[in-house]
Amino acid sequence: MQTQTETPVYNELDKSWKTTCKVLFGREVGELNLFQEWLASQNPRLAHAPSSLTGKDITYFITDYCEGSKRASLDEVWKLKKFPALSINEIKDVDSLVEAIQDRAYYTGDVVLGNSKFIEASSNCKDSYYVLGSGAISDSKYICNSARLKECEFAFGCDGVGESRFQARGYEGYRLMRCLEAWKSQTSSDCYYVNGVLDSSNCMFCFNVRNKRYAIGNLELPKEKYLSIKQGLVAEMAEQLEKKHSLPSLVEIVGKCKGHGYREILPELKKLEKAAKPDMAKIESIFGNTTEMLLGKRLGGIDGYSDWLRKHVLKMDVGKSIISGKPMLLADYSNYLLYPRNRLVTMLEAEYIGDHLRLDPAEAEKLSFASISEGISKIAYLSPEFFFGENINVTECSTQYQSMNAYRSPGASFTKNTAYSFWPRKGDCIFGSSMAFECFFCINCYYSENLNRCFEVDSSKSCSDSYYLHNCENVRSSMLCFNAKNLAYAVGNTVVGKEQFGRAKRMLLEWANEKLARKKEVPLSIFDVGCRQ
């Protein structure tokens, strides 16, 4: 990974890094560039490509775009000359249609939107200041080597964090303050190496607990005793960070734990899990309705299309609880795939363990960061699950927020009727999509918001009844459009009228349905249509 030095953005973030270290460790530990490799090591890697227009380096948070395609930065695409009209009458089939739009298919990087300034080597940033080497950042400032942050300040090496300040290496967190290696935790402060901690403060090496104060290894201590032990552990961390420019991650530490403390409460744990059988008929019915609406043909047997639907959705794996054997979805988000399989438990099991297992005072006093795995083995269990509110017929969705009829969709938030999607939020009837917010009746749509009845759409906003769009806004009843605004009945950025658009759409759907019938997939995505040979 390249590090940036001696630029105004880097210099400002170097100051912010030193401030953050003083908050976390009581002192500085070195220049920011010495730690950037470590900070970025567990976050999504950004991609880089030269501009096809100017040759300058462009940063991409979205890395699916096919090699060999034309590239441009966001500030360049709006300066492109107007393309000549597309003669739709000369188009005889899908291959000739796709070939005809190749000259106008530029994939856009360096995406910086809204009221943003001082953004460097980053993309998909909105209303943010002083951002370096990061992607998918909104309403934030002083951010380095991070991804998918919202309303954060002073965040270094974080992924999937919201409304937090002074964070280093934090993953899937919300409303956290002054934390190091805080994983899957919320509304907590002054925490070091924790997982599943809620509504707590001043915690170190705690797992699956809530409402704790001055706790080490799930054990609450008198304030002075806690601060004394914390001082020694934090000093060890700072010394190692200063010498090696890195610290082990929480999952590395937990992965080295040996022995299991839960065995003493095993009879109670076995009573917790009652597996609910999913109602797949509802998922199938909704999938059929959506495919019929978008493709003109009703598809059934959604799992038969899983490879196609999840091709450009983040990787998903299935782990099992070491206690009950219950399967749980782990997604390639906020490092859930790194959770050691020999320490996995369900959320209910994790909460019960957190309530009933803790270090004793002598064990807490003996803790050393150098041998921390041995010291916390009896309490260190991780769950990839988090459920909030009422969730109905939600299956293999590791994070669930008040959702219904969701299947194999990590991060389902206030959504209903979805499958094989990542983080569908406030939507309905979403399949094979990633970060589709407030979208309805969409298949294979990515990093977009406010879409209605769309298929293969990427990085777009407020579009409807369209197929194969990239970086479009307010585009309606159109197809194969790139970097366009305010179009209707357009093909390849050219307005062709309702009749000609209908002809092109029928041709596309006939071709797509023939491929689906034979191969269970459409062998053309928005990510590779720009370099289709």
Protein backbone atom coordinates (compact mmCIF):
# COMPACT_ATOMS: atom_id res chain seq x y z
CA MET A 1 0.00 0.00 0.00
CA GLN A 2 1.27 3.46 -0.87
CA THR A 3 1.36 6.06 1.85
CA GLN A 4 1.08 9.76 1.25
CA THR A 5 3.38 12.24 2.93
CA GLU A 6 4.04 15.96 2.78
CA THR A 7 0.67 16.97 1.38
CA PRO A 8 -1.71 19.33 3.18
CA VAL A 9 -4.19 16.50 3.71
CA TYR A 10 -1.55 14.12 5.08
CA ASN A 11 -0.04 16.79 7.34
CA GLU A 12 -3.42 17.58 8.85
CA LEU A 13 -4.21 13.90 9.40
CA ASP A 14 -0.78 13.32 10.92
CA LYS A 15 -1.68 15.91 13.54
CA SER A 16 -5.06 14.22 14.06
CA TRP A 17 -3.38 10.81 14.42
CA LYS A 18 -1.05 12.16 17.11
CA THR A 19 -3.99 13.72 18.91
CA THR A 20 -5.87 10.42 18.77
CA CYS A 21 -2.85 8.55 20.15
CA LYS A 22 -2.61 10.96 23.04
CA VAL A 23 -6.29 10.30 23.78
CA LEU A 24 -5.89 6.52 23.59
CA PHE A 25 -2.38 5.96 24.95
CA GLY A 26 -1.56 9.14 26.80
CA ARG A 27 1.28 9.91 24.36
CA GLU A 28 2.32 9.95 20.73
CA VAL A 29 3.77 6.80 19.19
CA GLY A 30 5.10 8.07 15.86
CA GLU A 31 4.32 9.59 12.48
CA LEU A 32 1.12 8.49 10.73
CA ASN A 33 2.84 7.10 7.63
CA LEU A 34 4.54 4.45 9.79
CA PHE A 35 1.15 2.99 10.72
CA GLN A 36 -0.89 3.29 7.53
CA GLU A 37 -0.16 -0.25 6.36
CA TRP A 38 -1.41 -1.62 9.68
CA LEU A 39 -4.42 0.69 9.77
CA ALA A 40 -5.50 -0.35 6.27
CA SER A 41 -4.64 -4.03 6.53
CA GLN A 42 -8.11 -5.27 7.53
CA ASN A 43 -10.22 -2.86 5.50
CA PRO A 44 -11.44 -3.11 1.88
CA ARG A 45 -8.58 -2.35 -0.46
CA LEU A 46 -9.07 0.60 -2.76
CA ALA A 47 -8.32 0.25 -6.45
CA HIS A 48 -6.41 2.63 -8.69
CA ALA A 49 -6.46 3.16 -12.45
CA PRO A 50 -5.19 5.83 -14.83
CA SER A 51 -7.70 8.20 -16.35
CA SER A 52 -8.46 7.38 -19.98
CA LEU A 53 -8.71 11.13 -20.58
CA THR A 54 -5.74 12.62 -18.75
CA GLY A 55 -3.67 9.72 -17.43
CA LYS A 56 -3.93 10.90 -13.83
CA ASP A 57 -4.32 8.32 -11.08
CA ILE A 58 -7.93 7.69 -10.05
CA THR A 59 -9.07 6.02 -6.82
CA TYR A 60 -11.99 3.58 -6.73
CA PHE A 61 -13.84 2.25 -3.71
CA ILE A 62 -15.85 -0.03 -6.00
CA THR A 63 -13.39 -2.56 -7.37
CA ASP A 64 -15.63 -4.70 -9.62
CA TYR A 65 -15.17 -2.73 -12.83
CA CYS A 66 -13.65 -4.84 -15.57
CA GLU A 67 -10.03 -4.44 -16.59
CA GLY A 68 -9.53 -2.66 -19.85
CA SER A 69 -12.57 -0.40 -19.46
CA LYS A 70 -12.35 3.35 -19.87
CA ARG A 71 -11.95 5.32 -16.67
CA ALA A 72 -12.48 8.93 -15.62
CA SER A 73 -12.70 10.91 -12.42
CA LEU A 74 -15.99 12.46 -11.41
CA ASP A 75 -14.79 15.97 -12.24
CA GLU A 76 -13.78 14.77 -15.72
CA VAL A 77 -16.93 12.93 -16.81
CA TRP A 78 -19.10 16.03 -16.76
CA LYS A 79 -16.64 17.68 -19.16
CA LEU A 80 -16.91 14.96 -21.78
CA LYS A 81 -18.05 16.12 -25.18
CA LYS A 82 -21.59 15.25 -26.11
CA PHE A 83 -21.74 11.87 -27.80
CA PRO A 84 -23.25 11.56 -31.27
CA ALA A 85 -26.79 10.25 -31.54
CA LEU A 86 -27.13 6.49 -31.39
CA SER A 87 -28.89 5.03 -34.42
CA ILE A 88 -31.12 2.53 -32.70
CA ASN A 89 -32.56 1.39 -36.05
CA GLU A 90 -29.18 -0.09 -36.93
CA ILE A 91 -29.09 -2.19 -33.77
CA LYS A 92 -29.98 -5.81 -34.60
CA ASP A 93 -29.13 -7.66 -31.38
CA VAL A 94 -27.74 -7.24 -27.87
CA ASP A 95 -24.12 -7.69 -28.96
CA SER A 96 -24.36 -4.85 -31.49
CA LEU A 97 -26.22 -2.71 -28.94
CA VAL A 98 -23.52 -3.15 -26.31
CA GLU A 99 -20.80 -2.56 -28.91
CA ALA A 100 -22.46 0.68 -29.97
CA ILE A 101 -22.20 2.23 -26.50
CA GLN A 102 -18.55 1.36 -25.82
CA ASP A 103 -17.26 4.83 -26.68
CA ARG A 104 -19.46 6.42 -24.00
CA ALA A 105 -18.95 3.85 -21.22
CA TYR A 106 -16.61 5.46 -18.68
CA TYR A 107 -16.45 4.08 -15.14
CA THR A 108 -16.13 6.88 -12.62
CA GLY A 109 -13.75 7.14 -9.68
CA ASP A 110 -12.57 9.91 -7.35
CA VAL A 111 -16.22 10.34 -6.45
CA VAL A 112 -16.45 13.30 -4.07
CA LEU A 113 -19.89 14.80 -3.54
CA GLY A 114 -21.66 17.50 -1.58
CA ASN A 115 -19.83 19.92 0.65
CA SER A 116 -16.47 18.13 0.75
CA LYS A 117 -12.90 19.43 0.83
CA PHE A 118 -9.40 18.08 1.34
CA ILE A 119 -10.06 14.57 0.06
CA GLU A 120 -7.05 12.60 -1.16
CA ALA A 121 -6.63 9.10 -2.63
CA SER A 122 -10.24 8.35 -1.68
CA SER A 123 -13.59 7.84 -3.38
CA ASN A 124 -17.32 7.73 -2.68
CA CYS A 125 -17.01 10.52 -0.14
CA LYS A 126 -19.82 12.92 0.65
CA ASP A 127 -19.97 16.02 2.86
CA SER A 128 -16.60 15.23 4.44
CA TYR A 129 -13.30 16.95 5.19
CA TYR A 130 -9.71 15.70 5.46
CA VAL A 131 -10.07 12.15 4.21
CA LEU A 132 -7.09 10.05 3.12
CA GLY A 133 -6.95 6.55 1.62
CA SER A 134 -10.60 5.82 2.39
CA GLY A 135 -13.89 4.93 0.71
CA ALA A 136 -17.63 5.30 1.32
CA ILE A 137 -17.28 8.13 3.84
CA SER A 138 -20.11 10.55 4.58
CA ASP A 139 -20.60 13.48 6.95
CA SER A 140 -17.19 12.89 8.54
CA LYS A 141 -13.82 14.56 9.06
CA TYR A 142 -10.26 13.56 9.90
CA ILE A 143 -10.54 10.05 8.46
CA CYS A 144 -7.65 7.83 7.32
CA ASN A 145 -7.50 4.33 5.86
CA SER A 146 -11.14 3.62 6.65
CA ALA A 147 -14.32 2.50 4.91
CA ARG A 148 -18.08 2.83 5.27
CA LEU A 149 -18.17 5.55 7.92
CA LYS A 150 -20.94 8.03 8.67
CA GLU A 151 -20.79 11.00 11.02
CA CYS A 152 -17.37 10.15 12.42
CA GLU A 153 -14.39 12.23 13.48
CA PHE A 154 -10.79 11.17 14.12
CA ALA A 155 -11.15 7.61 12.79
CA PHE A 156 -8.12 5.58 11.71
CA GLY A 157 -8.33 2.09 10.23
CA CYS A 158 -12.08 1.64 10.81
CA ASP A 159 -14.87 -0.05 8.85
CA GLY A 160 -18.63 0.13 9.31
CA VAL A 161 -18.70 2.75 12.07
CA GLY A 162 -21.22 5.53 12.69
CA GLU A 163 -21.43 8.60 14.90
CA SER A 164 -18.11 7.92 16.64
CA ARG A 165 -14.97 9.87 17.60
CA PHE A 166 -11.36 9.00 18.35
CA GLN A 167 -11.38 5.47 16.97
CA ALA A 168 -8.47 3.27 15.93
CA ARG A 169 -9.10 -0.08 14.27
CA GLY A 170 -12.81 -0.31 15.05
CA TYR A 171 -15.30 -2.48 13.17
CA GLU A 172 -19.11 -2.40 13.08
CA GLY A 173 -19.55 0.23 15.77
CA TYR A 174 -22.06 2.91 16.62
CA ARG A 175 -21.72 5.90 18.91
CA LEU A 176 -18.32 4.97 20.27
CA MET A 177 -15.87 7.37 21.89
CA ARG A 178 -12.14 6.88 22.51
CA CYS A 179 -11.86 3.21 21.56
CA LEU A 180 -9.18 0.89 20.22
CA GLU A 181 -10.09 -2.44 18.59
CA ALA A 182 -13.77 -2.12 19.43
CA TRP A 183 -15.71 -4.70 17.40
CA LYS A 184 -19.48 -4.97 17.01
CA SER A 185 -20.10 -2.58 19.89
CA GLN A 186 -22.42 0.36 20.49
CA THR A 187 -22.96 3.41 22.68
CA SER A 188 -19.77 2.88 24.67
CA SER A 189 -16.65 4.85 25.51
CA ASP A 190 -13.04 4.36 26.58
CA CYS A 191 -12.92 0.73 25.51
CA TYR A 192 -9.95 -1.37 24.38
CA TYR A 193 -10.19 -4.75 22.67
CA VAL A 194 -13.89 -5.46 23.13
CA ASN A 195 -16.58 -7.28 21.19
CA GLY A 196 -20.34 -7.17 21.65
CA VAL A 197 -20.23 -4.42 24.27
CA LEU A 198 -23.26 -2.15 24.69
CA ASP A 199 -23.97 0.91 26.83
CA SER A 200 -20.68 0.61 28.69
CA SER A 201 -17.61 2.68 29.54
CA ASN A 202 -14.05 1.99 30.60
CA CYS A 203 -13.88 -1.64 29.51
CA MET A 204 -10.91 -3.74 28.43
CA PHE A 205 -11.01 -7.23 26.97
CA CYS A 206 -14.72 -7.56 27.58
CA PHE A 207 -17.06 -9.73 25.51
CA ASN A 208 -20.83 -9.71 25.08
CA VAL A 209 -21.76 -7.50 28.02
CA ARG A 210 -23.85 -4.41 28.56
CA ASN A 211 -24.05 -1.68 31.20
CA LYS A 212 -20.53 -2.32 32.49
CA ARG A 213 -18.27 0.27 34.09
CA TYR A 214 -14.58 -0.13 34.88
CA ALA A 215 -14.50 -3.73 33.75
CA ILE A 216 -11.63 -5.98 32.66
CA GLY A 217 -12.41 -9.45 31.37
CA ASN A 218 -16.14 -8.87 32.06
CA LEU A 219 -15.29 -8.20 35.73
CA GLU A 220 -16.28 -4.82 37.19
CA LEU A 221 -13.65 -3.40 39.51
CA PRO A 222 -13.31 -0.41 41.83
CA LYS A 223 -12.35 2.59 39.72
CA GLU A 224 -8.84 2.97 41.15
CA LYS A 225 -8.07 -0.73 40.73
CA TYR A 226 -9.32 -0.65 37.14
CA LEU A 227 -7.27 2.43 36.27
CA SER A 228 -4.14 0.88 37.75
CA ILE A 229 -4.46 -2.29 35.65
CA LYS A 230 -5.44 -0.28 32.57
CA GLN A 231 -2.35 1.91 32.90
CA GLY A 232 -0.06 -1.09 32.69
CA LEU A 233 -1.87 -2.70 29.74
CA VAL A 234 -2.08 0.53 27.74
CA ALA A 235 1.61 1.21 28.35
CA GLU A 236 2.42 -2.24 26.90
CA MET A 237 0.27 -1.47 23.85
CA ALA A 238 1.90 1.91 23.26
CA GLU A 239 5.40 0.49 23.59
CA GLN A 240 4.69 -2.31 21.10
CA LEU A 241 3.01 0.10 18.70
CA GLU A 242 5.96 2.44 18.84
CA LYS A 243 8.46 -0.36 18.15
CA LYS A 244 6.57 -2.51 15.65
CA HIS A 245 4.10 0.03 14.20
CA SER A 246 1.28 -2.45 14.68
CA LEU A 247 -0.72 -4.34 17.28
CA PRO A 248 -2.43 -7.72 16.99
CA SER A 249 -6.11 -7.53 16.16
CA LEU A 250 -8.81 -8.68 18.54
CA VAL A 251 -9.56 -11.69 16.35
CA GLU A 252 -5.89 -12.70 16.29
CA ILE A 253 -5.84 -12.64 20.08
CA VAL A 254 -9.10 -14.58 20.40
CA GLY A 255 -7.97 -17.11 17.78
CA LYS A 256 -5.05 -18.07 20.04
CA CYS A 257 -7.24 -18.69 23.07
CA LYS A 258 -7.28 -22.26 24.38
CA GLY A 259 -9.77 -24.00 26.59
CA HIS A 260 -13.42 -23.14 27.07
CA GLY A 261 -14.98 -21.54 30.12
CA TYR A 262 -18.54 -22.09 28.91
CA ARG A 263 -18.52 -25.80 29.83
CA GLU A 264 -19.53 -25.00 33.41
CA ILE A 265 -22.77 -23.43 32.15
CA LEU A 266 -23.30 -25.77 29.19
CA PRO A 267 -26.66 -27.25 30.33
CA GLU A 268 -28.20 -23.76 30.44
CA LEU A 269 -26.68 -22.80 27.09
CA LYS A 270 -28.17 -25.82 25.36
CA LYS A 271 -31.66 -24.65 26.33
CA LEU A 272 -31.33 -21.31 24.55
CA GLU A 273 -31.51 -21.99 20.82
CA LYS A 274 -34.76 -22.99 19.18
CA ALA A 275 -34.24 -22.95 15.45
CA ALA A 276 -37.15 -21.43 13.53
CA LYS A 277 -37.88 -22.94 10.15
CA PRO A 278 -37.80 -20.23 7.45
CA ASP A 279 -40.86 -19.64 5.31
CA MET A 280 -39.15 -19.86 1.94
CA ALA A 281 -42.49 -19.79 0.13
CA LYS A 282 -42.79 -16.08 0.88
CA ILE A 283 -39.27 -15.38 -0.39
CA GLU A 284 -39.93 -17.40 -3.53
CA SER A 285 -43.22 -15.63 -4.22
CA ILE A 286 -41.64 -12.20 -3.88
CA PHE A 287 -38.68 -13.19 -6.06
CA GLY A 288 -41.10 -14.43 -8.71
CA ASN A 289 -43.11 -11.21 -8.62
CA THR A 290 -39.99 -9.05 -8.91
CA THR A 291 -38.47 -11.00 -11.80
CA GLU A 292 -41.76 -10.91 -13.64
CA MET A 293 -41.97 -7.16 -13.20
CA LEU A 294 -38.39 -6.44 -14.30
CA LEU A 295 -37.65 -9.22 -16.77
CA GLY A 296 -41.08 -10.07 -18.06
CA LYS A 297 -40.75 -13.67 -16.92
CA ARG A 298 -41.37 -15.23 -13.52
CA LEU A 299 -38.39 -17.10 -12.07
CA GLY A 300 -38.59 -19.68 -9.31
CA GLY A 301 -36.13 -21.58 -7.13
CA ILE A 302 -34.06 -18.62 -5.94
CA ASP A 303 -31.17 -20.71 -4.65
CA GLY A 304 -30.61 -21.96 -8.19
CA TYR A 305 -29.74 -18.38 -9.15
CA SER A 306 -27.56 -17.72 -6.10
CA ASP A 307 -24.22 -17.67 -7.95
CA TRP A 308 -25.55 -15.02 -10.32
CA LEU A 309 -27.25 -12.92 -7.65
CA ARG A 310 -24.26 -12.78 -5.34
CA LYS A 311 -21.55 -12.43 -8.00
CA HIS A 312 -21.00 -8.76 -7.17
CA VAL A 313 -22.26 -8.89 -3.60
CA LEU A 314 -19.64 -9.26 -0.89
CA LYS A 315 -18.55 -12.77 -0.06
CA MET A 316 -20.65 -14.70 2.44
CA ASP A 317 -19.62 -17.74 4.47
CA VAL A 318 -21.55 -19.90 6.88
CA GLY A 319 -20.12 -20.77 10.28
CA LYS A 320 -21.58 -22.82 13.10
CA SER A 321 -21.93 -22.23 16.81
CA ILE A 322 -19.44 -24.38 18.69
CA ILE A 323 -22.15 -24.91 21.32
CA SER A 324 -25.41 -25.56 19.46
CA GLY A 325 -24.18 -26.13 15.91
CA LYS A 326 -26.61 -23.48 14.64
CA PRO A 327 -25.48 -22.10 11.24
CA MET A 328 -24.72 -18.40 11.12
CA LEU A 329 -23.90 -16.13 8.19
CA LEU A 330 -20.54 -14.37 8.17
CA ALA A 331 -20.10 -11.63 5.58
CA ASP A 332 -16.98 -10.00 4.17
CA TYR A 333 -17.80 -6.81 6.02
CA SER A 334 -16.15 -5.35 9.11
CA ASN A 335 -13.98 -8.47 9.21
CA TYR A 336 -16.63 -10.99 10.20
CA LEU A 337 -14.90 -13.50 7.92
CA LEU A 338 -11.88 -13.26 10.22
CA TYR A 339 -13.79 -14.45 13.29
CA PRO A 340 -12.04 -17.66 14.45
CA ARG A 341 -14.40 -20.56 13.87
CA ASN A 342 -13.37 -22.26 17.11
CA ARG A 343 -14.82 -19.35 19.14
CA LEU A 344 -18.13 -18.76 17.32
CA VAL A 345 -21.40 -18.68 19.25
CA THR A 346 -24.90 -17.36 18.54
CA MET A 347 -25.99 -14.00 19.89
CA LEU A 348 -28.18 -15.59 22.59
CA GLU A 349 -25.31 -17.84 23.65
CA ALA A 350 -22.90 -14.89 23.66
CA GLU A 351 -25.17 -12.81 25.85
CA TYR A 352 -25.65 -15.66 28.32
CA ILE A 353 -21.89 -16.27 28.50
CA GLY A 354 -21.28 -12.54 28.97
CA ASP A 355 -23.76 -12.46 31.85
CA HIS A 356 -22.34 -15.52 33.61
CA LEU A 357 -18.60 -15.72 32.93
CA ARG A 358 -15.92 -13.27 34.05
CA LEU A 359 -12.36 -13.24 35.26
CA ASP A 360 -11.83 -13.30 39.00
CA PRO A 361 -9.92 -10.38 40.61
CA ALA A 362 -6.64 -12.30 40.78
CA GLU A 363 -6.86 -13.21 37.09
CA ALA A 364 -7.58 -9.60 36.15
CA GLU A 365 -4.58 -8.33 38.09
CA LYS A 366 -2.24 -10.80 36.39
CA LEU A 367 -3.21 -9.82 32.84
CA SER A 368 -0.37 -8.92 30.54
CA PHE A 369 -0.80 -7.79 26.95
CA ALA A 370 2.04 -10.10 25.91
CA SER A 371 0.08 -13.16 27.10
CA ILE A 372 -3.44 -11.81 26.79
CA SER A 373 -4.84 -14.80 24.87
CA GLU A 374 -4.11 -17.10 27.78
CA GLY A 375 -5.62 -14.65 30.26
CA ILE A 376 -9.00 -14.23 28.55
CA SER A 377 -9.62 -17.73 27.16
CA LYS A 378 -12.56 -18.53 29.38
CA ILE A 379 -14.62 -15.48 28.32
CA ALA A 380 -13.52 -14.75 24.72
CA TYR A 381 -16.37 -15.79 22.42
CA LEU A 382 -17.57 -13.98 19.32
CA SER A 383 -20.94 -13.87 17.62
CA PRO A 384 -21.50 -12.50 14.11
CA GLU A 385 -25.17 -11.94 14.91
CA PHE A 386 -26.88 -8.75 15.97
CA PHE A 387 -30.67 -8.44 16.11
CA PHE A 388 -32.59 -5.23 16.82
CA GLY A 389 -36.34 -4.78 17.04
CA GLU A 390 -38.86 -7.21 15.60
CA ASN A 391 -37.59 -9.36 12.73
CA ILE A 392 -40.03 -11.70 10.99
CA ASN A 393 -39.00 -14.61 8.77
CA VAL A 394 -35.39 -13.42 8.62
CA THR A 395 -32.97 -16.25 7.83
CA GLU A 396 -29.16 -16.25 7.64
CA CYS A 397 -28.98 -12.47 7.97
CA SER A 398 -26.28 -11.82 10.54
CA THR A 399 -27.34 -8.25 11.28
CA GLN A 400 -31.06 -7.62 11.43
CA TYR A 401 -32.80 -4.31 12.12
CA GLN A 402 -36.59 -4.54 12.08
CA SER A 403 -36.81 -6.48 8.81
CA MET A 404 -39.16 -9.03 7.31
CA ASN A 405 -38.83 -11.84 4.76
CA ALA A 406 -35.07 -11.53 4.39
CA TYR A 407 -32.78 -14.35 3.31
CA ARG A 408 -28.99 -14.48 3.19
CA SER A 409 -28.72 -10.70 3.33
CA PRO A 410 -26.26 -9.38 5.94
CA GLY A 411 -27.09 -5.94 7.22
CA ALA A 412 -30.84 -6.03 6.54
CA SER A 413 -32.07 -2.71 7.93
CA PHE A 414 -35.73 -1.67 8.04
CA THR A 415 -36.25 -3.71 4.87
CA LYS A 416 -38.64 -6.38 3.71
CA ASN A 417 -38.55 -8.97 0.96
CA THR A 418 -34.87 -9.33 0.13
CA ALA A 419 -32.34 -12.08 -0.59
CA TYR A 420 -28.67 -12.39 -1.47
CA SER A 421 -28.08 -8.71 -0.79
CA PHE A 422 -25.74 -6.70 1.43
CA TRP A 423 -27.13 -3.89 3.52
CA PRO A 424 -30.49 -3.31 1.86
CA ARG A 425 -31.83 -0.35 3.84
CA LYS A 426 -35.38 0.99 3.95
CA GLY A 427 -36.35 -0.91 0.81
CA ASP A 428 -38.67 -3.57 -0.54
CA CYS A 429 -38.12 -6.40 -3.04
CA ILE A 430 -34.33 -6.18 -3.37
CA PHE A 431 -32.31 -9.09 -4.78
CA GLY A 432 -28.60 -9.55 -5.53
CA SER A 433 -27.74 -5.98 -4.51
CA SER A 434 -25.25 -4.08 -2.33
CA MET A 435 -25.89 -0.90 -0.38
CA ALA A 436 -29.15 -0.19 -2.18
CA PHE A 437 -30.80 2.38 0.07
CA GLU A 438 -34.49 3.25 -0.17
CA CYS A 439 -34.83 1.15 -3.32
CA PHE A 440 -37.84 -0.84 -4.50
CA PHE A 441 -38.19 -3.77 -6.91
CA CYS A 442 -34.54 -3.97 -7.88
CA ILE A 443 -32.26 -6.80 -9.00
CA ASN A 444 -28.47 -6.48 -9.07
CA CYS A 445 -28.30 -2.83 -8.06
CA TYR A 446 -25.30 -1.44 -6.22
CA TYR A 447 -24.24 1.62 -4.19
CA SER A 448 -27.37 3.51 -5.14
CA GLU A 449 -30.36 5.20 -3.56
CA ASN A 450 -33.97 5.86 -4.42
CA LEU A 451 -34.22 3.41 -7.32
CA ASN A 452 -37.51 1.98 -8.51
CA ARG A 453 -37.87 -1.03 -10.82
CA CYS A 454 -34.24 -1.18 -11.90
CA PHE A 455 -31.90 -3.93 -13.10
CA GLU A 456 -28.08 -3.78 -13.13
CA VAL A 457 -27.64 -0.23 -11.86
CA ASP A 458 -24.52 1.08 -10.11
CA SER A 459 -23.71 4.31 -8.26
CA SER A 460 -26.93 6.05 -9.25
CA LYS A 461 -29.67 8.08 -7.63
CA SER A 462 -33.37 8.70 -8.21
CA CYS A 463 -33.72 6.49 -11.29
CA SER A 464 -36.61 4.28 -12.38
CA ASP A 465 -37.65 1.63 -14.90
CA SER A 466 -34.09 1.36 -16.20
CA TYR A 467 -31.48 -1.24 -17.12
CA TYR A 468 -27.69 -0.99 -17.01
CA LEU A 469 -26.98 2.47 -15.60
CA HIS A 470 -23.72 3.75 -14.12
CA ASN A 471 -23.39 7.05 -12.24
CA CYS A 472 -26.77 8.37 -13.32
CA GLU A 473 -29.25 10.69 -11.65
CA ASN A 474 -32.92 11.20 -12.42
CA VAL A 475 -32.80 8.83 -15.41
CA ARG A 476 -36.09 7.14 -16.28
CA SER A 477 -37.08 4.39 -18.71
CA SER A 478 -33.57 4.16 -20.13
CA MET A 479 -30.77 1.65 -20.64
CA LEU A 480 -27.02 1.46 -21.09
CA CYS A 481 -26.43 5.00 -19.88
CA PHE A 482 -23.21 6.23 -18.25
CA ASN A 483 -22.64 9.44 -16.29
CA ALA A 484 -25.97 10.95 -17.30
CA LYS A 485 -28.61 13.16 -15.70
CA ASN A 486 -32.24 13.95 -16.42
CA LEU A 487 -32.91 11.55 -19.27
CA ALA A 488 -36.02 9.62 -20.32
CA TYR A 489 -36.39 6.98 -23.02
CA ALA A 490 -32.64 7.01 -23.67
CA VAL A 491 -30.28 4.31 -24.91
CA GLY A 492 -26.54 4.88 -24.59
CA ASN A 493 -27.10 8.45 -23.35
CA THR A 494 -29.15 9.24 -26.49
CA VAL A 495 -32.86 10.01 -26.21
CA VAL A 496 -34.56 7.69 -28.71
CA GLY A 497 -38.19 8.02 -27.72
CA LYS A 498 -40.67 5.67 -26.11
CA GLU A 499 -41.18 3.38 -29.11
CA GLN A 500 -37.51 2.81 -29.86
CA PHE A 501 -36.68 2.36 -26.18
CA GLY A 502 -39.43 -0.27 -25.96
CA ARG A 503 -37.95 -2.10 -28.93
CA ALA A 504 -34.45 -2.13 -27.39
CA LYS A 505 -35.84 -3.21 -24.02
CA ARG A 506 -37.75 -6.15 -25.54
CA MET A 507 -34.61 -7.26 -27.35
CA LEU A 508 -32.57 -7.08 -24.14
CA LEU A 509 -35.12 -8.98 -22.06
CA GLU A 510 -35.57 -11.74 -24.65
CA TRP A 511 -31.81 -12.23 -24.65
CA ALA A 512 -31.58 -12.12 -20.82
CA ASN A 513 -34.40 -14.63 -20.33
CA GLU A 514 -32.88 -17.04 -22.83
CA LYS A 515 -29.61 -16.93 -20.85
CA LEU A 516 -31.42 -17.37 -17.54
CA ALA A 517 -33.30 -20.40 -18.87
CA ARG A 518 -30.12 -22.09 -20.06
CA LYS A 519 -27.45 -20.91 -17.61
CA LYS A 520 -29.29 -19.55 -14.56
CA GLU A 521 -27.55 -16.22 -15.07
CA VAL A 522 -27.34 -13.16 -17.28
CA PRO A 523 -23.69 -13.11 -18.45
CA LEU A 524 -23.51 -9.31 -18.55
CA SER A 525 -23.38 -7.02 -15.53
CA ILE A 526 -23.13 -3.27 -15.21
CA PHE A 527 -19.55 -3.82 -14.10
CA ASP A 528 -18.41 -5.42 -17.37
CA VAL A 529 -20.76 -3.97 -19.98
CA GLY A 530 -18.21 -1.18 -20.45
CA CYS A 531 -15.59 -3.53 -21.87
CA ARG A 532 -17.72 -6.16 -23.53
CA GLN A 533 -15.96 -7.53 -26.58
